[in-house]
Every structure is written in structure tokens, then in C-alpha cells.
Amino acid sequence: MVLKGQFLERSTLIPVGSEVMEGVAHRGDERPPLLVLPPRPEDGGGMDHVIGAELAFAAASAGHPTLRFNYRGVGGSQGERGSGEALLQDAGAALGVVLENAHSPAAAVAALHGSARVALELRAHHPEVAGLCLVSPRAVTARELAGLGRGLLVVVGELDTTLSRAELAEAVEAAGGELVVVEGAGAHFHHALPLVGKAVRTWLKMLSGK
């Protein structure tokens, strides 16, 4: 039994080709649902990454369905670790599951670190992506963000200098999105992690039109 106020994700299987990825999902009545892309396998990340867990908790506590998962070859997911097109296929399969589970025509996607590249490709191939949140983005240039629209949220730590802050701010402003800089935090948000969750809740509320 799940008591009021409890956060309980349920194990979920995500078919991709002849293989199956593992994930955890949380139900909710608000829309859009949130799909969390973990760091790429080459970055050493998985669905249990602390930032991904925080985003799922923040979204679920605001009533949004969530899904986070392991790419193939990571954790209990079948297959071999891939990159590029393989990660896009994995993300597309997970997107299909979160849409089906939530009975929703669109979903929000949050990507951690190097999965920013996967998220951009996912949006280019799937019009069901209603908005993108990029947390400490890697493997992309600020210029690539300029055309993403007002559904874009970028969250970076004040101490993270991977992307030029000036170029990043200019690109996000050009898109009509929002840039959140968390004071005193680095790329992994060991400091002030709840502020990342707060930014995502506000972003989801904006996407919902409420």
C-alpha cells in the first residue's frame, strides 16, 4: 500500500528491438509526463544518478508521471552499451513507453550531461517531445539551443564552465527558453540539488499551461 505523500516508483520494462531495458516509473494525473535521460554509458551514468532521481521526485511530487531508465548494457538492461544512433533508439523506445503509460500525446524530456545530445536528436525525430530540460549539458554547443523554443530549460551550476555562460545565455534567450544558474553549485550539484528539482517543477507547470 502506498500512503499519502509516499514516493514509490514501479519497475518497468522497455522493449527496444529484441532486447529489454529496465526502468522505474511513477504515476500521476498532471500532464505532460516526464522522461529522464540518464548520462550516457560512456559518462558512467545510469537511472540511479542522483540528479535523475531528484528530477523524478520533483516531477512526481507535482503530480506528473515519470519514467527513468538504463540505456542498453547499463545495470539490468539487456544488450551491449552503444552510442549515437543506438542511444537515440533507446530514448525513443522509452519515450513510447512513457507516452503509453500516461495516455498522453506529448512528453517533457530532461537530459543529464552528455545525454543532451541524445535529447536534441530525440526532439528532431519525435514531435511528441513537448519540451526539453538540459541539466549540465555536454556534447552540444550553445548555438544548437537557439532554435528550441520556449519549451527549453537549461540548468547549470555557477561553477560549471563547460559551456560559455555568455553564449549559453544568448542562445537560450534567442530560443525564448529559460536559463537557471544555481549559485555555488558545480556540474554535479552536490550543493543545492533541490533547486534543480524546483526549476523542473516550475518548467513542467509552464508546459502544462497552468
Foldseek 3Di string as FASTA:
>chain_A
DADPPDDDWAWDWFDQPPWIWIKTKDAFQFDDAEEEEWPAVVVVTACVQVLNVLQCVLQVVLGHMYMGTGQDCPDPTHDNRDDDPSSLSRVVRRQVVSCVVHVHQAHEYEYEEACVVSVLVNVVVDVRHLAYEYQLYDPDALQSQQQRAQRYEYEAEPAEPRYPPVSNVVSCVNRNYYYHYHYPAHRSCPDPSNVVSVVSNVSRVVSSVD
